[in-house]
Amino acid sequence: MRNRLAASKSLYLQKHAENPIDWWPWSDLALATAREQNKPIFLSIGYSSCHWCTVMEGEAFSDPAVAEFMNANFLPIKVDREERPDIDSIYMQALQMMTGQGGWPLNAFLAPDDLVPFYAGTYFPLTPAYGRPGFLQVLISIKLYYDTERSDLVQRKSTIQEVLVNSTLWQEQTNSLDIDQELFVPGWEASVSVISSKQMGNSFPMVSYAELAMLETRFSHQSGHDVHQLCQQWGNNLALGGIYDHVAGGFHRYTVDPTWTVPHFEKMLYDNGQILEYLSNLWSTGFPSPALFRAVTGTVKWLEREMTAPAGYFYAAQDADSFSSSANVEPEEGAFYVWDYTEIEQLLTTQELVELQRQFTVTPNGNFDGKNVLQRLDLEELSPLTQAALTKLFVARYGETPESLLTFPPVCNNQAAKTASWSGRIPPVTDTKMIVAWNSLMISGLVRAAEVFSQPSYLQLAIASANFILANQFVNGRFHRLNYDSEPVVLAQSEDYAFMIKALLDLQQSALSHSESANYWLQQAIALQDEFHQFHWNNNLYGYFNTASDASENLIVRERSYVDNATPSANGVAIANLVRLALITENRDYLDLAEKTLKAFRDLMENYPQVCPSLFIGLDWLYRSTLIQTTPDHIQSLARKYLPTSIFSPVADLADGSVGIVCREGVCFPPANSLEELLAQINRSFTKGI
């Protein structure tokens, strides 16, 4: 018997449709039913490519005894965090407050009357293990507590709710914009510290921190770091490490060690879009590494081959787990990606194996449960023999050569993966939903890579995705976050607006040098910003709420995103967008909104600079944004360079043979007579002003 989740379009919810637990989707009816029956809500949040979500689904959520007790005593609700990041954000904050850590699956117990959580955890094993109680034991204890400890429950909820409410109240404490370059310094230094510290445990891409660190070298003498070298090393870690799929391209979510060796194997679109933009920016600073170039080109090939829908948008993610054999009951983590040494010996010639071992970590004992995750040992060009070896591994995985396999259709569920006939390995499931925010991050990454590496095909990929979103994601004049098989659903959240506006402005700037579409992208960005402001702006404390004013009724608090996690904060990106719009349109109202948003989070930036690099990037845009007026040909040339916080404005002709004019804060340098002089003026504008 399939439960209520069977009707959901979410791949993550569908994975739980066969559970004996009587799951509900998050809805008014589910919440009302819990109140009427006075049942505590068991809220479980995860996503389709999450390894431990998959484990818990196959263990605790499939157990008849657990289901019987759950169904009798709780109202169980499943939420896909990729559909509802607003719900996930609220209860993740509560989880972190209760346990000191976060992660998925996120399992929380809520009071039905006010939806305030009173207990939360992540993965619960079916039986006691890993120092954790068995899940049925947890359920029995929670039910007993809910029934017998009412006064303690009320006090506990009050404390938790107070913390959640207070977390939304960052606001301006001064009457003037007391934000200047001195405030920028500790934020910048915090990011430098993050990417320079010796990591313990997991290694994440943390692109926002690396992007902020790369903005400035002026303060390196204060921190004692060579910032450019640090940023290069961060790029090397990504391009060389096991976090990158050296056989077929694309970046995994993170590594479970500090040496960037063994990944958590899911591939997320949002990581790959941000990394693509960062590596392209790093290359443009004057770091032409062959390994960097291979990581960029390989990622785009993976995107084209496995993550691009026929309609032009990009799929959301690929699972960490897959079946090593159709006889397996459960998928295994990393099965599609790791290599047994004996298998490698059989696939390669002796010379190919020797050369592969010279440039990659390949050993008989392996580095992941006796098997090998490839990690590159140097930045140099791969030798022909190594290239040949990697091609053979690609064929072993996919059944075809990279040249012949232009598209690899997605596998939509585990049953399809197990029953289909594969000439190579059984691939992981791909979550084919379209998420606006994640597509937008990839659009920006592709635009930047197209500029830096002079690859028009990258730009065409970006344009196809943007066109799909603009043509399909508006319903009754309102922007929507998701698309399932040509059906837009769920009102857009702040990150969808902010990231898409950035992507549109990136496309506008890119189009200045080679097409007539620049004004089209600009008008789309302006219209989307207007809608964003209408439904998400906080008139009292400033900044943008995560959810729209007419889509927040079932949330215990209405948050404003200001902390960078796996993706940048919506408010940080929104500030940079507003400054860019002000420069392009000469409308200072946008600048006023950017200033107000920064004022809203000034205290946060001063006291917790380590959590909000995107806000500091927005601050940098406000104080060092530079307008460069030059010809389209010069725009194309200059766009390949690393010119942060700059906006191009095309001019058909300049007087007296000059090549361009640099302006900042309404004041302009004298016209530059050469590109060298123009670049010198741009650098002066970034550092000292005019």
Foldseek 3Di string as FASTA:
>chain_A
DFAPLCPPLALLSVLLRPFLAREDEDDPVLLVVCVVVQAKEKEWEDHDQDPLSQVCSVFQRRDPVNRVLCNVHHHYYYDYCLQPVPVVVLQQVLQCVVPVDGDARKIFIAGSPQRQTQDIDHRAGCDDDPNHHHPSVVSVVVSCCVVPVVVVSVVSSVVSLVVSFVVFQQFFPDPDLPDDVVLLVVLLVLLLCVLPDQDFWKFFLPLLSLVSVVLDDPCCVVNVDRSLVSSVVSLCLQLFALQFQLLQAAGAGIAGGSSRHHGQGKGFLQLLLSSLQSLLLSVQAPDPFQSSVSNNVSHVQCQQAEFADPLQFGFGMFHQWACQALPDPGTDGNSLRWAALVVLPVQADPVLVVLLVVFWPADNQADPNSIHRTGGDDRHDRDPSPVVSSQSVNCQRQVDGSVVRSYDYFDADRVSLSPDDGNHGRGTGTRGKGFLLSRLSNLLSLLSNCLQVVPVVSNVSSVSNLVCQVVQQADPRFGATIDRPSHGDHGAWLSSLLSNLVSLQSNLLSCQQPHPCNVVSLVVSVSSVVNQCVFFADPPRGAGWGDGPVPCPSPSHTHQFAFDDSHAGSRLSQLLSLLQNCVVVVDCVSVVSSSRSLSSCVVVSNPPSSGGSSNSLSVLLSQQAKEKEFASVVSSVCSNHNQPNYGYDYDHDDPPQAGIWMDDPRDIDPGHNDVVRVVVVSVCSSPPRD
